[in-house]
Amino acid sequence: LPIFVYHPSKMANTLCIALALLACGIAVQAQIGPKPCSMPQQWEARRISFDPNRRAYHNHTSQFRVYGRYAYDGINQRKAVYEMASFGDEPSERLFVREFFATRQAYVENIDAKTCKIYTIPTDRQWYSHDIPHNAQFEGYETIGAYPDQLQLQQWLSKSDGKFGPPGTRYTTYTDKECVAVRDDHFSQAFGFI
């Protein structure tokens, strides 16, 4: 029977090679980043929208601001927004907007004026999902707060997103553990920041 005897230096070399391969594998995985998580498909949140560019419109800045509540249902493809909207020098409006993509109908209620307009959602307007875009790249982590009350966020970047028609850059942020959408920004040459 052959007897294999390992020399201590050969064993050490084999162990070093194995550790080096393991370290390389971990380094490659760290550069790739996490895989896109699955966001909850039904949720509600506070919503703030504004125009950070403060572009001039009719010789004064746009002063566009919207504060409100947002309900998202990705399963049934419907959204509801209750918002206080302010457009420049115009008085603020309280609006309740509901979009139903299954029937291609949108209802816009002006609470103060007590009016409701019904719109047909154009067939070229696709359902906008808040999921991580399929072509997004992982950009890194961000931490909000301090120990023990901190929250780790994932940052994702999509450079060819057509959220509002013309292609633009979409920057999205999600909580690391639960994959809850925190922020969804879009920039295009046609519209600026949205």
N, C-alpha and C. Protein backbone atom coordinates (compact mmCIF):
# COMPACT_ATOMS: atom_id res chain seq x y z
N LEU A 1 0.84 -1.18 0.00
CA LEU A 1 0.00 0.00 0.00
C LEU A 1 0.88 1.24 0.00
N PRO A 2 0.57 2.15 -0.91
CA PRO A 2 1.39 3.36 -0.91
C PRO A 2 1.01 4.25 0.27
N ILE A 3 1.97 4.82 0.82
CA ILE A 3 1.78 5.73 1.95
C ILE A 3 2.15 7.12 1.48
N PHE A 4 1.20 8.05 1.65
CA PHE A 4 1.46 9.43 1.24
C PHE A 4 1.89 10.22 2.47
N VAL A 5 2.99 10.80 2.33
CA VAL A 5 3.49 11.63 3.41
C VAL A 5 3.61 13.05 2.87
N TYR A 6 2.96 13.98 3.55
CA TYR A 6 3.02 15.38 3.13
C TYR A 6 4.11 16.09 3.90
N HIS A 7 4.83 16.82 3.18
CA HIS A 7 5.87 17.63 3.79
C HIS A 7 5.19 18.89 4.34
N PRO A 8 5.56 19.39 5.52
CA PRO A 8 4.90 20.57 6.11
C PRO A 8 4.91 21.78 5.19
N SER A 9 5.98 21.99 4.44
CA SER A 9 6.03 23.17 3.58
C SER A 9 5.06 23.02 2.40
N LYS A 10 4.88 21.78 1.88
CA LYS A 10 3.91 21.56 0.81
C LYS A 10 2.49 21.78 1.31
N MET A 11 2.20 21.36 2.54
CA MET A 11 0.88 21.57 3.13
C MET A 11 0.61 23.06 3.32
N ALA A 12 1.61 23.78 3.74
CA ALA A 12 1.47 25.22 3.95
C ALA A 12 1.22 25.92 2.61
N ASN A 13 1.92 25.49 1.57
CA ASN A 13 1.72 26.08 0.24
C ASN A 13 0.31 25.82 -0.26
N THR A 14 -0.18 24.59 -0.08
CA THR A 14 -1.53 24.24 -0.51
C THR A 14 -2.56 25.08 0.24
N LEU A 15 -2.36 25.26 1.54
CA LEU A 15 -3.27 26.07 2.36
C LEU A 15 -3.24 27.53 1.91
N CYS A 16 -2.06 28.05 1.61
CA CYS A 16 -1.93 29.44 1.15
C CYS A 16 -2.65 29.64 -0.18
N ILE A 17 -2.49 28.68 -1.10
CA ILE A 17 -3.16 28.78 -2.39
C ILE A 17 -4.67 28.74 -2.21
N ALA A 18 -5.16 27.86 -1.37
CA ALA A 18 -6.61 27.75 -1.12
C ALA A 18 -7.14 29.05 -0.53
N LEU A 19 -6.42 29.64 0.43
CA LEU A 19 -6.85 30.90 1.05
C LEU A 19 -6.82 32.04 0.04
N ALA A 20 -5.80 32.05 -0.84
CA ALA A 20 -5.71 33.09 -1.85
C ALA A 20 -6.89 33.00 -2.82
N LEU A 21 -7.24 31.77 -3.24
CA LEU A 21 -8.40 31.60 -4.13
C LEU A 21 -9.69 32.03 -3.45
N LEU A 22 -9.85 31.71 -2.19
CA LEU A 22 -11.03 32.13 -1.43
C LEU A 22 -11.11 33.65 -1.34
N ALA A 23 -9.96 34.29 -1.07
CA ALA A 23 -9.93 35.76 -0.97
C ALA A 23 -10.27 36.40 -2.31
N CYS A 24 -9.79 35.83 -3.41
CA CYS A 24 -10.11 36.36 -4.74
C CYS A 24 -11.61 36.23 -5.02
N GLY A 25 -12.18 35.10 -4.66
CA GLY A 25 -13.61 34.89 -4.85
C GLY A 25 -14.44 35.90 -4.07
N ILE A 26 -14.05 36.17 -2.83
CA ILE A 26 -14.75 37.15 -1.99
C ILE A 26 -14.60 38.55 -2.58
N ALA A 27 -13.41 38.88 -3.06
CA ALA A 27 -13.18 40.21 -3.65
C ALA A 27 -14.01 40.41 -4.91
N VAL A 28 -14.10 39.39 -5.74
CA VAL A 28 -14.92 39.49 -6.96
C VAL A 28 -16.38 39.67 -6.59
N GLN A 29 -16.86 38.90 -5.61
CA GLN A 29 -18.25 39.02 -5.18
C GLN A 29 -18.53 40.40 -4.61
N ALA A 30 -17.58 40.98 -3.88
CA ALA A 30 -17.76 42.31 -3.29
C ALA A 30 -17.84 43.38 -4.38
N GLN A 31 -17.09 43.21 -5.47
CA GLN A 31 -17.14 44.18 -6.56
C GLN A 31 -18.46 44.09 -7.32
N ILE A 32 -19.01 42.92 -7.46
CA ILE A 32 -20.26 42.74 -8.17
C ILE A 32 -21.40 43.38 -7.38
N GLY A 33 -21.38 43.29 -6.08
CA GLY A 33 -22.43 43.86 -5.24
C GLY A 33 -23.60 42.90 -5.13
N PRO A 34 -24.61 43.30 -4.40
CA PRO A 34 -25.76 42.42 -4.21
C PRO A 34 -26.62 42.32 -5.47
N LYS A 35 -27.40 41.28 -5.55
CA LYS A 35 -28.37 41.15 -6.63
C LYS A 35 -29.57 42.03 -6.28
N PRO A 36 -30.28 42.54 -7.30
CA PRO A 36 -31.46 43.36 -7.00
C PRO A 36 -32.46 42.59 -6.14
N CYS A 37 -32.94 43.26 -5.11
CA CYS A 37 -33.89 42.64 -4.20
C CYS A 37 -35.31 42.76 -4.76
N SER A 38 -36.24 42.06 -4.17
CA SER A 38 -37.64 42.11 -4.59
C SER A 38 -38.40 43.06 -3.67
N MET A 39 -38.85 44.14 -4.24
CA MET A 39 -39.56 45.16 -3.48
C MET A 39 -40.99 44.71 -3.17
N PRO A 40 -41.53 45.08 -2.01
CA PRO A 40 -42.95 44.78 -1.74
C PRO A 40 -43.82 45.42 -2.83
N GLN A 41 -44.86 44.73 -3.25
CA GLN A 41 -45.67 45.22 -4.36
C GLN A 41 -46.90 46.03 -3.93
N GLN A 42 -47.14 46.13 -2.63
CA GLN A 42 -48.23 46.97 -2.12
C GLN A 42 -47.71 47.73 -0.91
N TRP A 43 -47.76 49.08 -0.98
CA TRP A 43 -47.28 49.90 0.12
C TRP A 43 -47.84 51.31 0.01
N GLU A 44 -47.64 52.06 1.08
CA GLU A 44 -48.09 53.44 1.15
C GLU A 44 -46.98 54.27 1.76
N ALA A 45 -46.85 55.52 1.31
CA ALA A 45 -45.74 56.36 1.80
C ALA A 45 -46.11 57.83 1.73
N ARG A 46 -45.33 58.64 2.40
CA ARG A 46 -45.41 60.09 2.22
C ARG A 46 -44.62 60.42 0.96
N ARG A 47 -45.06 61.47 0.28
CA ARG A 47 -44.41 61.83 -0.98
C ARG A 47 -44.12 63.31 -1.01
N ILE A 48 -42.90 63.64 -1.44
CA ILE A 48 -42.50 65.03 -1.63
C ILE A 48 -41.87 65.13 -3.01
N SER A 49 -42.38 66.03 -3.82
CA SER A 49 -41.81 66.28 -5.15
C SER A 49 -41.56 67.78 -5.28
N PHE A 50 -40.48 68.13 -5.96
CA PHE A 50 -40.16 69.53 -6.18
C PHE A 50 -39.23 69.65 -7.36
N ASP A 51 -39.05 70.86 -7.83
CA ASP A 51 -38.14 71.13 -8.94
C ASP A 51 -36.86 71.72 -8.38
N PRO A 52 -35.79 70.91 -8.25
CA PRO A 52 -34.56 71.44 -7.67
C PRO A 52 -33.85 72.42 -8.59
N ASN A 53 -34.19 72.44 -9.88
CA ASN A 53 -33.54 73.35 -10.82
C ASN A 53 -34.07 74.77 -10.72
N ARG A 54 -35.29 74.91 -10.21
CA ARG A 54 -35.95 76.22 -10.09
C ARG A 54 -35.86 76.98 -11.40
N ARG A 55 -36.22 76.32 -12.49
CA ARG A 55 -36.16 76.91 -13.83
C ARG A 55 -37.13 78.08 -13.95
N ALA A 56 -36.76 79.02 -14.78
CA ALA A 56 -37.62 80.18 -15.04
C ALA A 56 -38.76 79.78 -15.96
N TYR A 57 -39.95 80.26 -15.64
CA TYR A 57 -41.12 80.02 -16.46
C TYR A 57 -41.93 81.31 -16.45
N HIS A 58 -42.16 81.93 -17.58
CA HIS A 58 -42.83 83.22 -17.68
C HIS A 58 -42.16 84.25 -16.76
N ASN A 59 -40.85 84.33 -16.84
CA ASN A 59 -40.01 85.32 -16.14
C ASN A 59 -39.97 85.15 -14.62
N HIS A 60 -40.36 84.01 -14.08
CA HIS A 60 -40.13 83.74 -12.66
C HIS A 60 -39.90 82.25 -12.48
N THR A 61 -39.32 81.86 -11.36
CA THR A 61 -39.00 80.45 -11.15
C THR A 61 -40.27 79.65 -10.97
N SER A 62 -40.17 78.36 -11.26
CA SER A 62 -41.35 77.51 -11.27
C SER A 62 -41.94 77.28 -9.88
N GLN A 63 -41.11 77.21 -8.86
CA GLN A 63 -41.59 77.01 -7.49
C GLN A 63 -42.57 75.84 -7.39
N PHE A 64 -42.28 74.76 -8.08
CA PHE A 64 -43.14 73.59 -8.07
C PHE A 64 -42.88 72.77 -6.81
N ARG A 65 -43.93 72.50 -6.02
CA ARG A 65 -43.82 71.70 -4.80
C ARG A 65 -45.08 70.86 -4.65
N VAL A 66 -44.91 69.59 -4.25
CA VAL A 66 -46.05 68.72 -3.99
C VAL A 66 -45.75 67.92 -2.72
N TYR A 67 -46.68 67.94 -1.78
CA TYR A 67 -46.59 67.15 -0.56
C TYR A 67 -47.83 66.26 -0.51
N GLY A 68 -47.68 65.02 -0.09
CA GLY A 68 -48.87 64.19 -0.02
C GLY A 68 -48.62 62.77 0.41
N ARG A 69 -49.63 61.94 0.17
CA ARG A 69 -49.60 60.51 0.47
C ARG A 69 -49.65 59.76 -0.85
N TYR A 70 -49.01 58.61 -0.88
CA TYR A 70 -48.90 57.83 -2.12
C TYR A 70 -49.17 56.37 -1.80
N ALA A 71 -50.11 55.76 -2.50
CA ALA A 71 -50.40 54.33 -2.35
C ALA A 71 -50.04 53.63 -3.66
N TYR A 72 -49.31 52.54 -3.56
CA TYR A 72 -48.79 51.82 -4.72
C TYR A 72 -49.25 50.37 -4.66
N ASP A 73 -49.82 49.88 -5.75
CA ASP A 73 -50.25 48.50 -5.85
C ASP A 73 -49.70 47.93 -7.16
N GLY A 74 -48.53 47.30 -7.09
CA GLY A 74 -47.90 46.72 -8.27
C GLY A 74 -48.59 45.47 -8.76
N ILE A 75 -49.32 44.79 -7.89
CA ILE A 75 -50.00 43.56 -8.28
C ILE A 75 -51.16 43.86 -9.23
N ASN A 76 -51.98 44.85 -8.87
CA ASN A 76 -53.15 45.22 -9.68
C ASN A 76 -52.88 46.44 -10.58
N GLN A 77 -51.67 46.91 -10.60
CA GLN A 77 -51.23 48.07 -11.39
C GLN A 77 -52.15 49.27 -11.20
N ARG A 78 -52.15 49.77 -9.96
CA ARG A 78 -52.92 50.97 -9.65
C ARG A 78 -52.16 51.80 -8.63
N LYS A 79 -52.42 53.12 -8.70
CA LYS A 79 -51.77 54.07 -7.80
C LYS A 79 -52.79 55.10 -7.35
N ALA A 80 -52.57 55.64 -6.15
CA ALA A 80 -53.42 56.71 -5.65
C ALA A 80 -52.52 57.73 -4.95
N VAL A 81 -52.80 59.00 -5.22
CA VAL A 81 -52.01 60.08 -4.63
C VAL A 81 -52.97 61.13 -4.10
N TYR A 82 -52.80 61.48 -2.83
CA TYR A 82 -53.51 62.63 -2.25
C TYR A 82 -52.45 63.66 -2.00
N GLU A 83 -52.57 64.84 -2.64
CA GLU A 83 -51.46 65.79 -2.55
C GLU A 83 -51.93 67.23 -2.44
N MET A 84 -51.05 68.03 -1.84
CA MET A 84 -51.19 69.47 -1.80
C MET A 84 -50.16 69.99 -2.78
N ALA A 85 -50.65 70.52 -3.92
CA ALA A 85 -49.75 70.93 -5.00
C ALA A 85 -49.68 72.45 -5.08
N SER A 86 -48.47 72.96 -5.27
CA SER A 86 -48.24 74.39 -5.39
C SER A 86 -47.42 74.64 -6.66
N PHE A 87 -47.93 75.53 -7.53
CA PHE A 87 -47.27 75.84 -8.79
C PHE A 87 -47.02 77.34 -8.85
N GLY A 88 -45.84 77.78 -8.46
CA GLY A 88 -45.47 79.20 -8.55
C GLY A 88 -46.37 80.09 -7.73
N ASP A 89 -46.93 81.12 -8.38
CA ASP A 89 -47.77 82.11 -7.69
C ASP A 89 -49.22 81.67 -7.55
N GLU A 90 -49.57 80.54 -8.12
CA GLU A 90 -50.95 80.06 -8.05
C GLU A 90 -51.26 79.54 -6.64
N PRO A 91 -52.52 79.64 -6.19
CA PRO A 91 -52.86 79.08 -4.88
C PRO A 91 -52.71 77.55 -4.90
N SER A 92 -52.39 76.99 -3.76
CA SER A 92 -52.20 75.54 -3.65
C SER A 92 -53.53 74.83 -3.93
N GLU A 93 -53.41 73.62 -4.47
CA GLU A 93 -54.58 72.80 -4.75
C GLU A 93 -54.46 71.49 -4.01
N ARG A 94 -55.59 70.99 -3.49
CA ARG A 94 -55.63 69.65 -2.91
C ARG A 94 -56.21 68.71 -3.96
N LEU A 95 -55.40 67.74 -4.38
CA LEU A 95 -55.80 66.84 -5.45
C LEU A 95 -55.78 65.40 -4.97
N PHE A 96 -56.72 64.61 -5.47
CA PHE A 96 -56.74 63.18 -5.22
C PHE A 96 -56.73 62.51 -6.59
N VAL A 97 -55.62 61.86 -6.92
CA VAL A 97 -55.42 61.27 -8.25
C VAL A 97 -55.36 59.75 -8.10
N ARG A 98 -56.19 59.06 -8.89
CA ARG A 98 -56.18 57.60 -8.89
C ARG A 98 -55.97 57.12 -10.32
N GLU A 99 -55.01 56.21 -10.49
CA GLU A 99 -54.71 55.65 -11.80
C GLU A 99 -54.93 54.14 -11.77
N PHE A 100 -55.69 53.66 -12.75
CA PHE A 100 -55.99 52.24 -12.87
C PHE A 100 -55.51 51.78 -14.25
N PHE A 101 -54.36 51.13 -14.29
CA PHE A 101 -53.78 50.75 -15.57
C PHE A 101 -54.48 49.56 -16.20
N ALA A 102 -55.19 48.76 -15.43
CA ALA A 102 -55.92 47.62 -16.00
C ALA A 102 -57.04 48.11 -16.92
N THR A 103 -57.71 49.22 -16.54
CA THR A 103 -58.78 49.78 -17.36
C THR A 103 -58.34 51.02 -18.11
N ARG A 104 -57.07 51.45 -17.93
CA ARG A 104 -56.49 52.63 -18.58
C ARG A 104 -57.29 53.90 -18.24
N GLN A 105 -57.76 54.00 -16.98
CA GLN A 105 -58.52 55.16 -16.53
C GLN A 105 -57.78 55.87 -15.39
N ALA A 106 -57.88 57.21 -15.39
CA ALA A 106 -57.32 58.02 -14.31
C ALA A 106 -58.39 59.02 -13.87
N TYR A 107 -58.51 59.20 -12.57
CA TYR A 107 -59.48 60.13 -12.00
C TYR A 107 -58.72 61.19 -11.22
N VAL A 108 -58.98 62.46 -11.54
CA VAL A 108 -58.31 63.56 -10.87
C VAL A 108 -59.38 64.41 -10.19
N GLU A 109 -59.41 64.35 -8.87
CA GLU A 109 -60.37 65.14 -8.09
C GLU A 109 -59.67 66.36 -7.51
N ASN A 110 -60.25 67.52 -7.73
CA ASN A 110 -59.80 68.74 -7.06
C ASN A 110 -60.70 68.90 -5.86
N ILE A 111 -60.15 68.65 -4.68
CA ILE A 111 -60.96 68.64 -3.45
C ILE A 111 -61.57 70.01 -3.17
N ASP A 112 -60.80 71.08 -3.37
CA ASP A 112 -61.29 72.43 -3.09
C ASP A 112 -62.36 72.88 -4.09
N ALA A 113 -62.16 72.62 -5.37
CA ALA A 113 -63.12 73.04 -6.40
C ALA A 113 -64.28 72.07 -6.53
N LYS A 114 -64.18 70.92 -5.86
CA LYS A 114 -65.22 69.88 -5.92
C LYS A 114 -65.51 69.45 -7.37
N THR A 115 -64.41 69.17 -8.09
CA THR A 115 -64.53 68.69 -9.47
C THR A 115 -63.77 67.38 -9.61
N CYS A 116 -64.18 66.61 -10.61
CA CYS A 116 -63.49 65.35 -10.92
C CYS A 116 -63.41 65.21 -12.43
N LYS A 117 -62.20 65.00 -12.92
CA LYS A 117 -62.01 64.79 -14.35
C LYS A 117 -61.55 63.35 -14.55
N ILE A 118 -62.09 62.74 -15.59
CA ILE A 118 -61.72 61.36 -15.91
C ILE A 118 -60.90 61.39 -17.19
N TYR A 119 -59.75 60.74 -17.14
CA TYR A 119 -58.84 60.69 -18.29
C TYR A 119 -58.62 59.25 -18.72
N THR A 120 -58.36 59.08 -19.99
CA THR A 120 -57.94 57.78 -20.50
C THR A 120 -56.42 57.79 -20.54
N ILE A 121 -55.81 56.81 -19.92
CA ILE A 121 -54.34 56.71 -19.92
C ILE A 121 -53.91 56.25 -21.31
N PRO A 122 -53.05 57.03 -21.99
CA PRO A 122 -52.63 56.66 -23.35
C PRO A 122 -51.98 55.27 -23.38
N THR A 123 -52.22 54.56 -24.47
CA THR A 123 -51.66 53.20 -24.59
C THR A 123 -50.15 53.19 -24.69
N ASP A 124 -49.53 54.31 -25.09
CA ASP A 124 -48.06 54.35 -25.15
C ASP A 124 -47.44 54.65 -23.79
N ARG A 125 -48.26 54.99 -22.79
CA ARG A 125 -47.74 55.21 -21.44
C ARG A 125 -47.79 53.89 -20.69
N GLN A 126 -46.62 53.37 -20.38
CA GLN A 126 -46.52 52.08 -19.71
C GLN A 126 -46.63 52.23 -18.19
N TRP A 127 -46.98 51.16 -17.53
CA TRP A 127 -47.01 51.10 -16.07
C TRP A 127 -45.61 51.41 -15.56
N TYR A 128 -45.53 52.35 -14.62
CA TYR A 128 -44.23 52.67 -14.04
C TYR A 128 -44.07 51.92 -12.72
N SER A 129 -43.17 50.99 -12.72
CA SER A 129 -42.91 50.19 -11.53
C SER A 129 -41.79 50.83 -10.72
N HIS A 130 -41.89 50.75 -9.41
CA HIS A 130 -40.83 51.26 -8.54
C HIS A 130 -39.77 50.20 -8.25
N ASP A 131 -39.87 49.04 -8.89
CA ASP A 131 -38.85 48.00 -8.71
C ASP A 131 -37.50 48.49 -9.21
N ILE A 132 -36.44 47.82 -8.78
CA ILE A 132 -35.10 48.15 -9.27
C ILE A 132 -35.08 47.85 -10.76
N PRO A 133 -34.69 48.83 -11.59
CA PRO A 133 -34.67 48.60 -13.04
C PRO A 133 -33.80 47.40 -13.41
N HIS A 134 -34.24 46.65 -14.42
CA HIS A 134 -33.52 45.44 -14.81
C HIS A 134 -32.10 45.73 -15.29
N ASN A 135 -31.84 46.94 -15.80
CA ASN A 135 -30.50 47.26 -16.28
C ASN A 135 -29.69 48.12 -15.29
N ALA A 136 -30.15 48.20 -14.05
CA ALA A 136 -29.48 49.05 -13.05
C ALA A 136 -28.19 48.41 -12.55
N GLN A 137 -27.25 49.29 -12.20
CA GLN A 137 -25.98 48.86 -11.60
C GLN A 137 -26.00 49.23 -10.12
N PHE A 138 -25.46 48.34 -9.31
CA PHE A 138 -25.35 48.63 -7.88
C PHE A 138 -24.28 49.68 -7.68
N GLU A 139 -24.61 50.76 -6.97
CA GLU A 139 -23.67 51.87 -6.76
C GLU A 139 -23.03 51.86 -5.37
N GLY A 140 -23.63 51.18 -4.42
CA GLY A 140 -23.05 51.13 -3.09
C GLY A 140 -24.10 51.25 -2.00
N TYR A 141 -23.59 51.32 -0.78
CA TYR A 141 -24.46 51.41 0.40
C TYR A 141 -24.36 52.81 1.00
N GLU A 142 -25.39 53.18 1.70
CA GLU A 142 -25.44 54.43 2.44
C GLU A 142 -26.09 54.12 3.78
N THR A 143 -25.65 54.77 4.82
CA THR A 143 -26.23 54.54 6.15
C THR A 143 -26.84 55.83 6.65
N ILE A 144 -28.08 55.73 7.13
CA ILE A 144 -28.78 56.86 7.73
C ILE A 144 -28.89 56.59 9.22
N GLY A 145 -28.63 57.60 10.02
CA GLY A 145 -28.75 57.45 11.47
C GLY A 145 -27.45 57.00 12.11
N ALA A 146 -27.54 56.68 13.38
CA ALA A 146 -26.38 56.24 14.15
C ALA A 146 -26.78 55.03 14.98
N TYR A 147 -25.79 54.24 15.33
CA TYR A 147 -26.04 53.04 16.11
C TYR A 147 -26.76 53.40 17.39
N PRO A 148 -27.76 52.71 17.84
CA PRO A 148 -28.36 51.51 17.30
C PRO A 148 -29.53 51.78 16.35
N ASP A 149 -29.85 53.04 16.12
CA ASP A 149 -30.99 53.40 15.26
C ASP A 149 -30.53 53.81 13.88
N GLN A 150 -29.92 52.89 13.17
CA GLN A 150 -29.43 53.21 11.84
C GLN A 150 -30.12 52.33 10.80
N LEU A 151 -30.09 52.81 9.58
CA LEU A 151 -30.73 52.11 8.47
C LEU A 151 -29.76 52.08 7.31
N GLN A 152 -29.50 50.89 6.79
CA GLN A 152 -28.60 50.77 5.65
C GLN A 152 -29.43 50.74 4.37
N LEU A 153 -28.98 51.52 3.37
CA LEU A 153 -29.68 51.65 2.11
C LEU A 153 -28.82 51.16 0.96
N GLN A 154 -29.45 50.62 -0.08
CA GLN A 154 -28.78 50.25 -1.32
C GLN A 154 -29.05 51.32 -2.36
N GLN A 155 -28.02 51.67 -3.14
CA GLN A 155 -28.15 52.67 -4.19
C GLN A 155 -28.02 51.98 -5.54
N TRP A 156 -28.93 52.28 -6.47
CA TRP A 156 -28.92 51.68 -7.81
C TRP A 156 -29.01 52.77 -8.86
N LEU A 157 -28.31 52.58 -9.98
CA LEU A 157 -28.26 53.57 -11.06
C LEU A 157 -28.57 52.91 -12.40
N SER A 158 -29.51 53.50 -13.13
CA SER A 158 -29.85 53.03 -14.48
C SER A 158 -29.63 54.21 -15.42
N LYS A 159 -28.75 54.04 -16.40
CA LYS A 159 -28.39 55.16 -17.27
C LYS A 159 -29.25 55.28 -18.51
N SER A 160 -30.17 54.37 -18.74
CA SER A 160 -31.00 54.45 -19.95
C SER A 160 -32.46 54.15 -19.63
N ASP A 161 -33.00 54.86 -18.67
CA ASP A 161 -34.37 54.62 -18.23
C ASP A 161 -35.32 55.57 -18.97
N GLY A 162 -36.44 55.08 -19.46
CA GLY A 162 -37.40 55.90 -20.17
C GLY A 162 -38.64 56.18 -19.35
N LYS A 163 -38.49 56.46 -18.07
CA LYS A 163 -39.62 56.67 -17.16
C LYS A 163 -40.59 57.73 -17.67
N PHE A 164 -40.09 58.84 -18.18
CA PHE A 164 -40.94 59.94 -18.63
C PHE A 164 -40.82 60.19 -20.12
N GLY A 165 -40.63 59.15 -20.89
CA GLY A 165 -40.51 59.31 -22.34
C GLY A 165 -39.06 59.28 -22.79
N PRO A 166 -38.43 60.45 -22.97
CA PRO A 166 -37.04 60.45 -23.44
C PRO A 166 -36.12 59.73 -22.45
N PRO A 167 -35.16 58.97 -22.96
CA PRO A 167 -34.24 58.26 -22.04
C PRO A 167 -33.51 59.23 -21.12
N GLY A 168 -33.28 58.76 -19.91
CA GLY A 168 -32.57 59.56 -18.93
C GLY A 168 -31.91 58.66 -17.91
N THR A 169 -31.40 59.26 -16.85
CA THR A 169 -30.73 58.53 -15.79
C THR A 169 -31.68 58.41 -14.60
N ARG A 170 -31.82 57.20 -14.09
CA ARG A 170 -32.68 56.95 -12.93
C ARG A 170 -31.82 56.48 -11.77
N TYR A 171 -31.99 57.15 -10.62
CA TYR A 171 -31.22 56.84 -9.42
C TYR A 171 -32.22 56.43 -8.34
N THR A 172 -32.12 55.18 -7.87
CA THR A 172 -33.09 54.67 -6.91
C THR A 172 -32.39 54.19 -5.64
N THR A 173 -33.11 54.30 -4.53
CA THR A 173 -32.59 53.90 -3.22
C THR A 173 -33.62 53.02 -2.53
N TYR A 174 -33.14 51.93 -1.92
CA TYR A 174 -34.00 50.96 -1.22
C TYR A 174 -33.38 50.60 0.12
N THR A 175 -34.22 50.23 1.09
CA THR A 175 -33.67 49.73 2.34
C THR A 175 -32.98 48.39 2.05
N ASP A 176 -31.91 48.11 2.76
CA ASP A 176 -31.10 46.93 2.47
C ASP A 176 -31.82 45.63 2.81
N LYS A 177 -32.48 45.57 3.96
CA LYS A 177 -33.08 44.30 4.40
C LYS A 177 -34.46 44.06 3.81
N GLU A 178 -35.34 45.05 3.85
CA GLU A 178 -36.73 44.84 3.43
C GLU A 178 -36.97 45.21 1.97
N CYS A 179 -36.03 45.90 1.34
CA CYS A 179 -36.14 46.35 -0.06
C CYS A 179 -37.32 47.31 -0.25
N VAL A 180 -37.50 48.22 0.70
CA VAL A 180 -38.56 49.22 0.60
C VAL A 180 -38.00 50.41 -0.18
N ALA A 181 -38.76 50.89 -1.18
CA ALA A 181 -38.34 52.04 -1.98
C ALA A 181 -38.29 53.28 -1.09
N VAL A 182 -37.16 53.99 -1.11
CA VAL A 182 -36.99 55.19 -0.30
C VAL A 182 -36.97 56.43 -1.19
N ARG A 183 -36.30 56.31 -2.34
CA ARG A 183 -36.15 57.46 -3.22
C ARG A 183 -36.09 56.98 -4.66
N ASP A 184 -36.68 57.77 -5.56
CA ASP A 184 -36.71 57.41 -6.97
C ASP A 184 -36.57 58.69 -7.77
N ASP A 185 -35.36 58.98 -8.25
CA ASP A 185 -35.08 60.21 -8.98
C ASP A 185 -34.83 59.90 -10.44
N HIS A 186 -35.19 60.84 -11.29
CA HIS A 186 -34.99 60.69 -12.73
C HIS A 186 -34.48 62.01 -13.29
N PHE A 187 -33.50 61.92 -14.18
CA PHE A 187 -32.98 63.11 -14.83
C PHE A 187 -32.91 62.85 -16.33
N SER A 188 -33.43 63.77 -17.13
CA SER A 188 -33.27 63.70 -18.57
C SER A 188 -33.02 65.10 -19.10
N GLN A 189 -32.41 65.18 -20.27
CA GLN A 189 -32.15 66.50 -20.88
C GLN A 189 -33.47 67.22 -21.19
N ALA A 190 -34.50 66.46 -21.54
CA ALA A 190 -35.78 67.07 -21.91
C ALA A 190 -36.51 67.68 -20.72
N PHE A 191 -36.46 67.03 -19.55
CA PHE A 191 -37.25 67.48 -18.40
C PHE A 191 -36.43 67.96 -17.22
N GLY A 192 -35.14 67.69 -17.19
CA GLY A 192 -34.33 68.01 -16.02
C GLY A 192 -34.55 66.97 -14.94
N PHE A 193 -34.45 67.38 -13.69
CA PHE A 193 -34.65 66.47 -12.56
C PHE A 193 -36.12 66.29 -12.28
N ILE A 194 -36.53 65.04 -12.06
CA ILE A 194 -37.91 64.75 -11.65
C ILE A 194 -37.85 63.82 -10.47
